[in-house]
Protein backbone atom coordinates (compact mmCIF):
# COMPACT_ATOMS: atom_id res chain seq x y z
CA MET A 1 29.27 -59.19 40.62
CA THR A 2 29.14 -58.53 44.23
CA GLU A 3 25.62 -56.91 45.87
CA PRO A 4 25.88 -53.65 46.37
CA THR A 5 25.88 -52.17 49.81
CA GLY A 6 28.04 -49.12 49.93
CA PRO A 7 31.24 -48.48 51.90
CA GLY A 8 30.78 -49.30 55.59
CA ARG A 9 27.05 -49.36 54.61
CA SER A 10 24.42 -50.81 57.34
CA ALA A 11 21.12 -51.65 56.45
CA PRO A 12 18.45 -50.67 58.40
CA PRO A 13 16.37 -52.91 60.86
CA GLY A 14 14.45 -55.15 58.95
CA GLN A 15 15.89 -54.15 55.32
CA PRO A 16 18.70 -56.14 53.63
CA ALA A 17 22.13 -54.39 53.12
CA GLY A 18 22.27 -52.06 50.48
CA ALA A 19 18.74 -51.29 50.59
CA PRO A 20 17.08 -47.74 49.62
CA HIS A 21 16.04 -45.62 52.67
CA PRO A 22 12.50 -45.49 53.53
CA ALA A 23 11.65 -42.60 51.73
CA ARG A 24 9.87 -41.92 48.52
CA PRO A 25 12.66 -41.06 46.05
CA GLY A 26 12.75 -38.05 43.96
CA PRO A 27 15.55 -35.26 42.94
CA HIS A 28 15.86 -32.84 45.39
CA SER A 29 15.79 -30.05 43.44
CA ALA A 30 17.40 -27.24 44.19
CA HIS A 31 16.28 -24.80 41.25
CA PRO A 32 17.22 -21.49 41.97
CA ALA A 33 14.19 -18.63 42.44
CA PRO A 34 11.74 -17.29 39.54
CA GLY A 35 13.42 -15.17 37.44
CA ALA A 36 16.54 -16.34 36.28
CA SER A 37 18.34 -15.80 32.81
CA ILE A 38 20.99 -16.61 31.58
CA HIS A 39 23.77 -13.76 29.47
CA PRO A 40 26.58 -13.81 28.12
CA ALA A 41 29.39 -12.92 30.62
CA THR A 42 30.74 -9.21 30.08
CA GLY A 43 34.71 -10.62 29.99
CA GLY A 44 36.55 -12.88 32.15
CA SER A 45 35.85 -16.50 32.40
CA ALA A 46 32.41 -18.45 33.84
CA HIS A 47 34.37 -18.53 37.34
CA SER A 48 35.45 -14.92 37.45
CA ALA A 49 32.31 -14.22 39.23
CA GLN A 50 32.81 -11.72 42.41
CA PRO A 51 31.56 -13.10 45.75
CA GLY A 52 28.39 -11.95 46.51
CA ASP A 53 27.47 -12.29 42.47
CA PRO A 54 24.19 -14.61 41.91
CA ALA A 55 25.94 -16.00 39.38
CA ALA A 56 28.57 -17.75 41.43
CA PHE A 57 26.27 -18.26 43.72
CA ALA A 58 24.08 -20.11 41.29
CA HIS A 59 27.42 -22.10 40.17
CA ALA A 60 28.49 -22.99 43.47
CA ALA A 61 24.69 -24.34 43.86
CA GLN A 62 24.96 -26.29 40.63
CA THR A 63 27.93 -27.82 41.75
CA GLY A 64 26.94 -28.76 45.11
CA GLU A 65 23.84 -30.59 43.69
CA ALA A 66 25.98 -32.57 41.25
CA ALA A 67 28.50 -34.07 44.27
CA GLY A 68 25.16 -34.54 46.22
CA LEU A 69 24.00 -36.62 43.25
CA VAL A 70 27.07 -38.50 42.99
CA ALA A 71 27.47 -38.94 46.58
CA GLY A 72 23.71 -40.47 46.79
CA LEU A 73 25.00 -43.29 44.41
CA LEU A 74 26.96 -44.42 47.37
CA ALA A 75 24.31 -43.78 50.21
CA GLN A 76 21.20 -45.46 47.67
CA PRO A 77 23.05 -48.34 45.89
CA TRP A 78 19.92 -49.87 44.54
CA GLY A 79 19.39 -46.40 42.71
CA ARG A 80 15.74 -44.68 42.42
CA VAL A 81 12.89 -45.10 39.82
CA THR A 82 9.29 -43.98 39.87
CA PRO A 83 6.41 -46.32 41.07
CA SER A 84 4.77 -48.42 38.16
CA VAL A 85 1.24 -49.00 37.86
CA TYR A 86 1.58 -52.47 36.23
CA GLU A 87 4.48 -53.34 38.90
CA THR A 88 2.08 -52.24 41.82
CA GLY A 89 -1.09 -53.67 40.11
CA ARG A 90 1.08 -57.11 40.35
CA LEU A 91 1.80 -56.83 44.23
CA VAL A 92 -1.57 -56.20 44.59
CA THR A 93 -2.81 -59.68 42.62
CA ILE A 94 0.26 -61.23 44.15
CA ALA A 95 1.28 -60.29 47.31
CA PRO A 96 -1.81 -58.63 49.08
CA TRP A 97 -0.70 -59.46 52.59
CA LEU A 98 2.54 -57.52 52.22
CA ALA A 99 2.52 -54.14 53.67
CA GLY A 100 1.15 -51.37 51.97
CA HIS A 101 -1.76 -52.64 50.42
CA ALA A 102 -3.94 -50.10 51.01
CA GLU A 103 -1.42 -47.85 49.67
CA ARG A 104 -0.69 -49.35 46.21
CA LEU A 105 -4.64 -49.32 45.85
CA GLY A 106 -4.71 -45.97 46.34
CA PHE A 107 -2.42 -45.35 44.12
CA LEU A 108 -3.51 -47.46 41.37
CA ALA A 109 -7.03 -45.31 42.11
CA ALA A 110 -5.08 -41.95 41.94
CA ALA A 111 -3.14 -42.82 38.21
CA GLN A 112 -6.36 -43.25 36.44
CA ARG A 113 -7.21 -41.71 33.72
CA PRO A 114 -10.21 -39.69 33.10
CA ASP A 115 -11.33 -42.04 30.29
CA GLY A 116 -10.72 -45.23 32.27
CA GLY A 117 -7.19 -46.24 31.36
CA TRP A 118 -3.93 -46.31 33.18
CA GLY A 119 -0.70 -44.47 31.88
CA PRO A 120 1.37 -41.84 30.83
CA HIS A 121 0.15 -41.44 26.81
CA GLU A 122 -2.30 -43.31 24.97
CA ASP A 123 0.59 -45.14 22.79
CA TYR A 124 0.92 -47.02 26.20
CA ARG A 125 -1.65 -47.29 27.88
CA LEU A 126 -2.51 -51.24 27.21
CA VAL A 127 -0.04 -52.63 29.61
CA PRO A 128 -0.98 -50.67 32.92
CA THR A 129 -4.50 -50.39 31.78
CA LEU A 130 -4.84 -54.52 31.89
CA SER A 131 -2.64 -54.75 35.20
CA ALA A 132 -4.56 -52.25 37.51
CA THR A 133 -7.83 -53.58 36.31
CA GLU A 134 -6.65 -56.63 36.91
CA ALA A 135 -5.72 -56.28 40.27
CA MET A 136 -8.90 -54.75 40.91
CA LEU A 137 -10.63 -57.22 39.79
CA SER A 138 -8.34 -59.41 42.31
CA GLU A 139 -9.01 -57.62 45.14
CA LEU A 140 -13.04 -57.53 44.21
CA ARG A 141 -13.04 -61.39 44.82
CA ARG A 142 -11.62 -61.16 47.75
CA GLU A 143 -13.72 -58.55 49.13
CA PRO A 144 -17.45 -58.21 48.02
CA ALA A 145 -18.20 -55.45 45.26
CA ALA A 146 -20.89 -54.39 47.73
CA GLY A 147 -18.34 -53.54 50.18
CA HIS A 148 -16.31 -51.47 47.81
CA ALA A 149 -18.59 -49.47 45.58
CA ASP A 150 -15.68 -47.43 44.47
CA LEU A 151 -13.13 -50.41 43.45
CA ALA A 152 -16.02 -51.78 41.33
CA ALA A 153 -16.55 -48.20 38.99
CA ARG A 154 -13.01 -47.81 38.83
CA ALA A 155 -12.27 -51.62 37.73
CA GLU A 156 -15.39 -51.05 35.34
CA ARG A 157 -14.40 -47.83 33.65
CA GLY A 158 -10.89 -49.95 32.98
CA LEU A 159 -13.06 -52.55 31.37
CA ARG A 160 -14.54 -49.82 29.14
CA ALA A 161 -11.08 -49.22 28.26
CA LEU A 162 -9.72 -52.16 27.24
CA PHE A 163 -13.38 -53.53 25.48
CA GLY A 164 -13.07 -50.24 23.96
CA ARG A 165 -15.69 -48.00 22.12
CA PRO A 166 -18.38 -50.09 20.09
CA GLY A 167 -17.21 -50.83 16.62
CA SER A 168 -13.18 -49.79 17.86
CA GLY A 169 -12.15 -53.84 17.39
CA GLY A 170 -11.21 -53.85 21.21
CA PRO A 171 -8.25 -53.35 23.05
CA PRO A 172 -5.18 -50.93 21.54
CA PRO A 173 -2.31 -52.58 19.84
CA PRO A 174 0.56 -53.46 22.46
CA PRO A 175 3.80 -51.27 22.10
CA ASP A 176 7.52 -52.34 21.99
CA LEU A 177 7.42 -53.41 25.81
CA PRO A 178 9.88 -56.24 27.02
CA ALA A 179 7.95 -59.50 27.46
CA VAL A 180 4.81 -57.54 26.12
CA GLU A 181 4.09 -60.82 24.14
CA LEU A 182 4.13 -62.56 27.14
CA VAL A 183 2.06 -59.81 29.99
CA VAL A 184 -1.04 -59.18 27.67
CA PRO A 185 -1.70 -62.24 26.80
CA TYR A 186 -1.31 -63.40 30.84
CA LEU A 187 -3.04 -60.69 32.47
CA THR A 188 -5.58 -60.91 29.19
CA GLY A 189 -6.34 -64.35 30.67
CA ALA A 190 -7.00 -63.34 34.46
CA ILE A 191 -9.33 -60.54 33.42
CA ASN A 192 -11.88 -63.01 32.25
CA ARG A 193 -11.06 -65.35 33.99
CA HIS A 194 -12.55 -62.86 36.71
CA LEU A 195 -15.39 -61.84 34.07
CA ARG A 196 -16.50 -65.72 33.89
CA ASP A 197 -16.86 -65.94 37.70
CA LEU A 198 -18.56 -62.85 38.38
CA GLY A 199 -21.64 -63.89 40.44
CA PRO A 200 -24.83 -62.34 41.28
CA ALA A 201 -23.49 -59.19 43.74
CA ALA A 202 -20.92 -57.77 41.26
CA GLY A 203 -22.55 -54.73 41.51
CA ALA A 204 -21.51 -52.47 39.06
CA LEU A 205 -19.72 -55.49 37.03
CA ALA A 206 -22.86 -57.20 36.47
CA GLY A 207 -22.97 -56.23 32.70
CA TRP A 208 -19.90 -57.57 32.18
CA ALA A 209 -20.39 -61.15 33.81
CA GLY A 210 -19.04 -63.65 31.06
CA ARG A 211 -17.83 -61.37 28.56
CA ASP A 212 -14.10 -62.27 26.83
CA LEU A 213 -11.51 -59.61 26.33
CA PRO A 214 -10.03 -60.48 23.06
CA LEU A 215 -6.13 -60.23 22.67
CA PRO A 216 -4.87 -57.86 20.40
CA GLU A 217 -4.25 -58.44 16.41
CA GLY A 218 -1.48 -60.72 15.93
CA MET A 219 -0.99 -61.79 19.50
CA ASP A 220 -1.79 -65.76 20.97
CA GLU A 221 -1.70 -67.28 24.22
CA GLY A 222 1.75 -69.69 22.44
CA ARG A 223 4.43 -68.61 23.63
CA LEU A 224 2.61 -68.05 27.17
CA ALA A 225 1.68 -71.89 27.72
CA LYS A 226 5.31 -72.87 26.71
CA VAL A 227 7.30 -70.30 29.26
CA ARG A 228 4.92 -71.93 31.65
CA SER A 229 5.35 -75.48 30.75
CA LEU A 230 8.95 -74.66 30.94
CA VAL A 231 8.79 -73.43 34.49
CA ARG A 232 6.80 -76.02 35.81
CA ALA A 233 8.91 -78.54 34.60
CA GLY A 234 11.89 -77.01 36.23
CA ALA A 235 14.00 -75.60 33.45
CA ALA A 236 16.70 -73.13 33.60
CA MET A 237 15.13 -69.75 32.77
CA PRO A 238 16.93 -67.38 30.90
CA GLU A 239 18.08 -64.01 33.02
CA LYS A 240 15.95 -61.60 31.20
CA LEU A 241 12.90 -63.99 31.17
CA ALA A 242 13.19 -64.38 35.15
CA HIS A 243 12.21 -60.76 34.88
CA ALA A 244 8.46 -61.01 34.03
CA LEU A 245 8.27 -64.41 36.47
CA GLU A 246 5.08 -63.50 37.28
CA VAL A 247 3.59 -64.56 33.81
CA ALA A 248 4.13 -67.72 34.61
CA GLY A 249 0.99 -67.99 37.31
CA ASP A 250 1.19 -70.55 40.00
CA ALA A 251 3.92 -71.95 38.07
CA ALA A 252 6.25 -68.98 39.53
CA GLU A 253 5.86 -69.94 43.46
CA GLY A 254 9.32 -71.58 44.25
CA ALA A 255 10.48 -72.41 40.46
CA ARG A 256 13.41 -74.57 40.83
CA GLY A 257 15.50 -73.35 37.33
CA VAL A 258 14.79 -69.41 38.36
CA ALA A 259 18.21 -68.35 39.96
CA ARG A 260 17.97 -65.62 42.89
CA THR A 261 20.28 -63.03 44.61
CA PRO A 262 22.10 -63.06 47.84
CA ALA A 263 19.40 -60.30 48.96
CA GLY A 264 16.64 -62.11 47.89
CA THR A 265 15.46 -60.92 44.37
CA VAL A 266 14.35 -62.60 41.36
CA GLY A 267 15.40 -60.30 38.03
CA ALA A 268 15.44 -57.38 39.79
CA SER A 269 11.25 -57.26 40.12
CA PRO A 270 9.16 -56.89 43.14
CA ALA A 271 6.67 -58.53 40.69
CA ALA A 272 8.77 -61.45 39.91
CA THR A 273 9.92 -62.08 43.11
CA ALA A 274 6.88 -61.62 44.81
CA ALA A 275 5.45 -64.60 42.20
CA TRP A 276 8.74 -67.03 42.98
CA LEU A 277 7.57 -66.43 46.91
CA GLY A 278 4.30 -67.20 46.67
CA ASP A 279 2.26 -68.40 50.24
CA ARG A 280 5.75 -69.71 51.27
CA VAL A 281 6.20 -66.42 52.94
CA ARG A 282 3.58 -67.85 55.73
CA ARG A 283 6.11 -70.76 56.24
CA GLU A 284 9.17 -68.69 56.31
CA PRO A 285 8.50 -65.10 57.07
CA GLY A 286 12.13 -64.37 56.97
CA ASP A 287 13.09 -65.03 53.55
CA PRO A 288 15.44 -62.86 51.95
CA ALA A 289 12.99 -62.35 49.04
CA ARG A 290 10.33 -61.08 51.89
CA SER A 291 13.12 -58.50 53.17
CA TYR A 292 13.62 -57.46 49.50
CA LEU A 293 9.96 -56.56 48.90
CA GLU A 294 9.38 -55.16 52.85
CA ALA A 295 12.39 -52.93 51.92
CA VAL A 296 11.18 -51.31 48.25
CA VAL A 297 7.63 -51.04 49.48
CA ALA A 298 9.11 -48.83 52.22
CA ALA A 299 11.46 -46.72 49.93
CA HIS A 300 8.22 -46.10 47.65
CA GLY A 301 5.79 -45.74 50.06
CA GLY A 302 3.42 -48.53 49.12
CA PRO A 303 3.48 -48.95 45.40
CA VAL A 304 6.69 -50.27 43.34
CA PRO A 305 8.72 -49.99 40.77
CA CYS A 306 9.27 -52.27 37.68
CA GLY A 307 13.18 -52.84 38.05
CA LEU A 308 15.17 -52.28 41.23
CA PRO A 309 17.88 -52.73 41.90
CA ILE A 310 19.81 -50.61 39.08
CA THR A 311 22.93 -50.02 40.69
CA VAL A 312 25.53 -50.26 37.49
CA PHE A 313 23.00 -48.37 35.22
CA GLU A 314 22.47 -45.16 37.52
CA ARG A 315 26.06 -44.84 38.18
CA GLY A 316 27.58 -45.33 34.32
CA TRP A 317 24.24 -42.67 33.18
CA VAL A 318 25.41 -40.28 36.16
CA LEU A 319 29.24 -40.17 35.75
CA SER A 320 29.18 -40.49 32.22
CA TRP A 321 26.45 -37.19 31.38
CA LEU A 322 28.10 -35.21 34.18
CA LEU A 323 31.90 -36.02 32.67
CA ARG A 324 31.17 -35.36 29.21
CA ALA A 325 29.19 -32.05 30.29
CA GLY A 326 32.61 -30.68 31.91
CA VAL A 327 30.58 -30.74 35.47
CA PRO A 328 33.42 -30.80 38.11
CA VAL A 329 32.66 -33.46 40.19
CA ARG A 330 34.61 -36.22 42.08
CA ALA A 331 33.60 -40.00 41.94
CA PRO A 332 34.72 -41.65 45.23
CA GLU A 333 37.21 -44.43 44.77
CA PRO A 334 34.22 -47.00 45.72
CA LEU A 335 32.21 -45.79 42.85
CA VAL A 336 35.01 -46.15 40.20
CA ALA A 337 36.03 -49.34 41.55
CA SER A 338 31.96 -50.98 41.41
CA LEU A 339 32.49 -50.13 37.62
CA ARG A 340 35.85 -50.79 37.38
CA HIS A 341 35.59 -54.72 38.94
CA GLY A 342 32.15 -55.13 37.69
CA ILE A 343 32.73 -56.01 34.25
CA ASP A 344 33.65 -59.89 33.32
CA PRO A 345 34.27 -61.41 29.85
CA ASP A 346 30.44 -61.28 29.32
CA GLY A 347 30.01 -57.62 30.11
CA ILE A 348 28.04 -55.78 33.24
CA ALA A 349 23.88 -55.91 33.91
CA ALA A 350 22.41 -53.42 34.90
CA GLY A 351 22.00 -54.25 38.56
CA PRO A 352 21.88 -57.65 40.51
CA GLY A 353 19.59 -60.26 38.80
CA LEU A 354 19.22 -59.08 35.69
CA PRO A 355 21.77 -60.13 32.58
CA ALA A 356 24.49 -58.46 31.18
CA ASP A 357 24.00 -56.50 28.61
CA ALA A 358 25.47 -54.31 25.82
CA ASP A 359 24.24 -51.27 26.72
CA THR A 360 25.09 -50.80 30.14
CA THR A 361 28.11 -52.19 29.46
CA SER A 362 28.99 -49.67 27.13
CA VAL A 363 27.86 -46.99 29.38
CA ALA A 364 30.06 -48.32 32.26
CA LEU A 365 33.06 -48.43 29.99
CA TYR A 366 32.77 -44.53 28.80
CA ALA A 367 31.97 -43.48 32.23
CA LEU A 368 35.26 -45.20 33.00
CA ALA A 369 37.08 -44.25 30.46
CA LEU A 370 36.35 -40.57 31.28
CA LEU A 371 36.98 -40.94 34.75
CA GLY A 372 40.58 -42.03 33.51
CA ALA A 373 40.52 -45.49 34.21
CA PRO A 374 40.03 -47.38 30.94
CA ARG A 375 39.03 -50.83 30.05
CA ASP A 376 39.25 -52.86 27.39
CA PRO A 377 35.70 -53.23 25.77
CA ALA A 378 36.58 -56.55 24.34
CA SER A 379 33.68 -57.51 26.66
CA LEU A 380 31.41 -56.25 23.68
CA ALA A 381 32.48 -58.49 21.34
CA GLY A 382 29.66 -61.15 21.95
CA TYR A 383 26.94 -58.96 21.13
CA ARG A 384 28.15 -57.85 17.99
CA VAL A 385 25.76 -58.98 14.81
CA GLY A 386 27.25 -58.13 11.16
CA PRO A 387 28.34 -53.96 11.92
CA HIS A 388 25.61 -53.68 14.93
CA TYR A 389 25.90 -54.83 18.59
CA GLN A 390 22.52 -56.71 20.40
CA THR A 391 21.45 -54.82 23.54
CA TRP A 392 21.66 -58.93 25.21
CA ARG A 393 21.93 -62.06 22.87
CA GLY A 394 18.98 -63.36 21.46
CA GLU A 395 17.55 -59.71 21.08
CA ASN A 396 14.11 -59.32 19.38
CA GLY A 397 14.66 -56.16 17.58
CA VAL A 398 17.56 -53.61 17.41
CA SER A 399 18.71 -50.39 19.51
CA THR A 400 19.99 -47.26 18.04
CA THR A 401 21.18 -45.85 21.40
CA THR A 402 22.35 -49.21 22.83
CA ASN A 403 24.97 -48.62 19.67
CA ALA A 404 25.55 -44.78 19.91
CA HIS A 405 27.04 -45.90 23.71
CA VAL A 406 28.83 -48.91 22.32
CA LEU A 407 30.49 -46.29 19.59
CA ASP A 408 30.78 -44.01 22.64
CA ALA A 409 32.96 -46.53 24.66
CA LEU A 410 34.92 -47.83 21.53
CA GLY A 411 35.72 -43.95 20.67
CA ALA A 412 36.89 -43.82 24.00
CA TYR A 413 39.49 -46.40 24.16
CA ARG A 414 42.66 -45.66 22.46
CA PRO A 415 45.02 -48.15 23.11
CA ALA A 416 48.94 -48.06 22.53
CA ASP A 417 49.14 -50.99 20.37
CA PRO A 418 48.34 -50.10 16.51
CA ALA A 419 47.05 -53.01 15.35
CA ILE A 420 44.37 -53.21 18.35
CA ARG A 421 43.41 -49.43 17.63
CA ALA A 422 42.91 -50.10 14.09
CA ARG A 423 40.80 -53.23 14.72
CA TYR A 424 38.36 -51.15 17.10
CA ALA A 425 38.20 -48.18 14.94
CA ALA A 426 36.94 -50.46 12.34
CA THR A 427 34.72 -51.62 14.33
CA ALA A 428 33.45 -48.50 15.51
CA GLY A 429 32.97 -47.69 11.59
CA GLY A 430 30.54 -49.86 10.78
CA VAL A 431 28.68 -48.92 13.67
CA ALA A 432 28.99 -45.84 13.01
CA GLY A 433 27.48 -46.66 9.33
CA TRP A 434 25.04 -48.22 10.59
CA LEU A 435 23.76 -45.56 13.18
CA ARG A 436 24.21 -43.10 9.78
CA ASP A 437 21.45 -45.32 7.88
CA ARG A 438 18.77 -45.14 10.75
CA GLN A 439 18.51 -41.88 10.91
CA HIS A 440 14.85 -40.59 9.92
CA ALA A 441 14.75 -38.10 7.34
CA ASP A 442 13.69 -35.42 9.58
CA GLY A 443 16.91 -36.05 11.17
CA SER A 444 16.01 -37.16 14.56
CA TRP A 445 16.13 -40.67 15.92
CA THR A 446 13.81 -43.58 17.73
CA ASP A 447 14.83 -45.91 19.72
CA ARG A 448 12.99 -49.08 21.72
CA TRP A 449 14.69 -48.19 25.13
CA HIS A 450 13.02 -44.79 25.18
CA THR A 451 9.39 -43.06 24.09
CA SER A 452 11.23 -39.64 23.06
CA PRO A 453 13.18 -39.18 20.02
CA TYR A 454 15.32 -36.31 22.03
CA TYR A 455 17.21 -39.42 23.84
CA ALA A 456 17.81 -41.28 20.78
CA THR A 457 18.50 -38.26 18.84
CA MET A 458 21.36 -36.92 21.52
CA CYS A 459 22.90 -40.44 22.06
CA CYS A 460 23.20 -40.93 17.92
CA ALA A 461 24.22 -37.39 17.78
CA LEU A 462 27.20 -36.88 20.46
CA ALA A 463 28.64 -40.59 19.46
CA LEU A 464 28.82 -39.84 15.81
CA ASP A 465 29.68 -36.41 16.74
CA ALA A 466 32.74 -37.69 18.65
CA ALA A 467 33.57 -40.68 16.10
CA GLY A 468 33.98 -37.97 13.33
CA PRO A 469 37.07 -36.03 12.65
CA ALA A 470 37.38 -33.02 14.58
CA GLY A 471 36.23 -29.82 13.26
CA ARG A 472 34.19 -31.27 10.37
CA PRO A 473 30.75 -32.09 11.24
CA SER A 474 28.80 -34.46 9.97
CA PRO A 475 25.81 -34.28 7.28
CA GLU A 476 23.53 -36.21 9.84
CA VAL A 477 24.61 -34.47 12.80
CA ARG A 478 23.75 -31.07 11.17
CA ARG A 479 20.69 -32.63 10.20
CA SER A 480 19.61 -33.44 14.05
CA VAL A 481 20.55 -30.11 14.83
CA ARG A 482 18.23 -28.49 12.46
CA TRP A 483 15.12 -31.13 13.15
CA LEU A 484 15.57 -29.48 16.91
CA LEU A 485 15.63 -25.81 15.88
CA SER A 486 12.16 -26.76 14.12
CA THR A 487 10.63 -28.51 17.46
CA GLN A 488 11.38 -26.13 20.31
CA ARG A 489 8.34 -25.50 21.70
CA ALA A 490 7.07 -21.25 22.45
CA ASP A 491 7.88 -21.48 25.59
CA GLY A 492 11.89 -22.87 25.48
CA SER A 493 11.21 -26.68 26.01
CA TRP A 494 11.54 -29.67 23.58
CA GLY A 495 9.24 -32.85 24.47
CA LEU A 496 7.43 -35.39 22.38
CA TRP A 497 4.23 -35.34 24.62
CA ARG A 498 4.40 -32.22 26.13
CA GLY A 499 7.45 -29.58 27.07
CA THR A 500 9.54 -31.65 29.89
CA ALA A 501 12.81 -30.90 31.59
CA GLU A 502 14.10 -34.10 30.69
CA GLU A 503 13.66 -33.93 26.65
CA THR A 504 14.90 -29.93 27.20
CA ALA A 505 17.65 -31.26 28.46
CA TYR A 506 18.89 -33.75 25.61
CA ALA A 507 18.26 -31.31 23.20
CA MET A 508 20.51 -28.55 25.22
CA HIS A 509 23.34 -31.35 24.87
CA VAL A 510 23.22 -31.68 21.14
CA LEU A 511 23.25 -27.97 20.44
CA LEU A 512 26.15 -27.50 23.04
CA LEU A 513 28.47 -30.47 22.59
CA THR A 514 28.54 -30.82 18.91
CA GLY A 515 30.26 -29.19 16.51
CA ALA A 516 27.19 -29.22 14.57
CA GLY A 517 25.51 -27.38 17.44
CA ARG A 518 28.48 -24.84 17.70
CA GLU A 519 28.26 -23.39 14.35
CA ASP A 520 25.64 -20.45 14.57
CA PRO A 521 24.61 -18.42 17.00
CA GLU A 522 21.24 -19.47 16.86
CA HIS A 523 22.38 -22.58 18.11
CA ALA A 524 23.06 -20.80 21.54
CA ARG A 525 20.10 -19.04 21.58
CA ALA A 526 18.11 -21.85 21.36
CA ALA A 527 20.02 -23.67 23.92
CA VAL A 528 19.84 -20.41 26.42
CA ARG A 529 15.90 -20.36 25.66
CA GLY A 530 16.00 -23.99 27.05
CA GLY A 531 17.83 -23.15 29.94
CA LEU A 532 15.66 -20.18 30.68
CA TYR A 533 12.87 -22.97 30.30
CA LEU A 534 14.89 -24.95 33.48
CA ARG A 535 15.40 -22.32 35.54
CA ARG A 536 11.84 -21.31 35.39
CA GLY A 537 10.83 -24.44 37.99
CA ALA A 538 10.80 -27.14 35.35
CA VAL A 539 11.33 -30.15 37.81
CA PRO A 540 12.44 -33.76 36.15
CA GLY A 541 10.26 -35.31 38.74
CA ASP A 542 6.99 -34.16 37.49
CA ASP A 543 7.94 -35.18 34.07
CA PRO A 544 5.44 -38.73 32.54
CA PRO A 545 7.85 -41.51 32.53
CA MET A 546 9.24 -42.38 29.14
CA TRP A 547 11.78 -44.54 29.84
CA VAL A 548 10.79 -48.64 28.80
CA ASP A 549 10.71 -51.82 31.12
CA LYS A 550 7.34 -53.68 31.56
CA ASP A 551 5.91 -50.22 32.06
CA LEU A 552 7.29 -46.76 31.27
CA TYR A 553 9.32 -45.35 34.36
CA THR A 554 11.98 -42.48 35.53
CA PRO A 555 15.74 -43.03 36.68
CA LEU A 556 15.38 -40.08 38.83
CA ALA A 557 18.96 -39.99 39.44
CA VAL A 558 19.87 -40.65 36.05
CA VAL A 559 17.15 -37.84 34.48
CA HIS A 560 18.50 -35.12 37.26
CA ALA A 561 22.16 -35.65 35.84
CA ALA A 562 20.99 -34.66 32.43
CA VAL A 563 19.01 -31.41 33.53
CA LEU A 564 22.71 -30.47 35.77
CA ALA A 565 24.80 -30.88 33.15
CA ALA A 566 22.38 -29.10 30.65
CA LEU A 567 22.20 -25.87 32.90
CA HIS A 568 26.30 -26.41 33.70
CA LEU A 569 26.93 -26.63 29.77
CA VAL A 570 24.55 -23.16 28.41
CA ARG A 571 26.15 -21.42 31.24
CA HIS A 572 29.95 -22.44 30.22
CA HIS A 573 29.52 -22.19 26.28
CA SER A 574 31.07 -19.25 24.72
CA GLY A 575 30.85 -17.11 27.73
CA LEU A 576 27.28 -17.54 28.66
CA THR A 577 26.61 -17.42 32.32
CA VAL A 578 23.64 -17.70 35.02
CA GLY A 579 22.00 -14.59 36.77
CA TYR A 580 19.12 -13.54 38.00
CA GLY A 581 16.65 -11.14 36.93
CA SER A 582 14.44 -9.10 39.16
CA ALA A 583 11.07 -11.05 41.11
CA GLY A 584 8.47 -12.54 39.52
CA GLY A 585 10.21 -11.69 35.65
CA GLU A 586 13.02 -12.73 33.87
CA ARG A 587 15.54 -10.79 31.88
CA ALA A 588 15.93 -11.04 28.74
CA ALA A 589 18.78 -12.53 26.98
CA ARG A 590 20.98 -10.58 25.70
CA TYR A 591 24.17 -11.43 23.19
């Protein structure tokens, strides 16, 4: 796959081709004024509103917003992702020479929780808290603690969060994150080295001198030691391991077995790239790796995301979600070609520097089918293990959403040859059965690549609904609809930790796109309440990060597409349309 730059696009001075614009990314919110309501049309289609009608204006605004979102896939080809506490902490330690160092420290300080830890939720605090605390200890090693009283106090609070209250047994258990079995020992060892080296001028940290932070139960340093030995020996590194090259410590600098992309990235990770670059930046200031880091820092104002570029991931998800919902958008030919020509016999990667995977490949194939440019899904064959598919070869664990996306791709491909069609149908049947077996008793699904059951439930329910007989909703999809109805919040939203625009959109997709969701008017009313929640000003960029990488993150354009698609669906389903209530209040939905 060639490095994405976009047709005719030149990079700003000092940035590699295809780099993001040096502006903080975020969804260009175009939510109408408060007071929006959704009600049934009084006749005709949703497109029949008269000029000057607020409903027509809202429809045009949504359509224009979706068109702008699609155009942005080419204008910002690296993608738009929220910054990460973990990754930003790694750059504070590894690359203090890089522009934006003070801003990174400020980002970490602002993101610290009242309990001293970091992370959007208790279940996912360990890795970001380790990284931020170690970064602050590293900074204090470079500058005396006396000159950084606030930094020392924040590091001390981070240590308290990690060591836990008396009798708590030490750090919390690690969540299921990529490379967590390497990242946690790497950071724990670094923190313990800092604590052993604390001197008499440690200030607020003096009481921590010589203490050792234990590893969570069941973890050890064995795998990390093996990885570091391989890196030092110059052994060829698996592409997925390159994404976390920073765990190799000093051995990562200039590692011979690590491949770089033409843009200088290692593993599509700022931390991994900085670790590979090491101190050689002082001798090679024009190195492409430095240019990559400078571009990512400029785009995010100092802090950095875990993974960039995410070119294909972003394009596949945005296009497939908008098109499946019937949003009237046109994909420029260069966008379609980037998916069509990027798929090779092993599939396609989420972005340059990452390994090809079945999840990204499936979504790209599904998007191409919806665009009228279908490709044979033969590239998925290498990921199949029995009735289900791995996200990548040798995956530790399984993913329901990867398999839901495989089912989408298999179902959308309709070859003329009846033998090929029958073979893919049999394979799809096996995947569907595997997904049905993994539904929870309450009707939901969960997955390792997203913390929210609403995302996994949407992916699985939509895939199973499309794969089933027309007009005969499956029991599994009906159960998922009942679960959604039972978990809607009083304000009309859905959410695991709190109500969010993202999760509300996922629930609305199930209620408005599946046969089971369309069976009962009450389901549409629930979707309308979700639409009202979105119209009251819920902004996807304000939601907590819920997508899983080394740290949790939000792919902003992807989530933006989910919300736009949900609003489009609720506007057009069963004659529903969007109108406006009086300023300062909502008009009740009417049926």
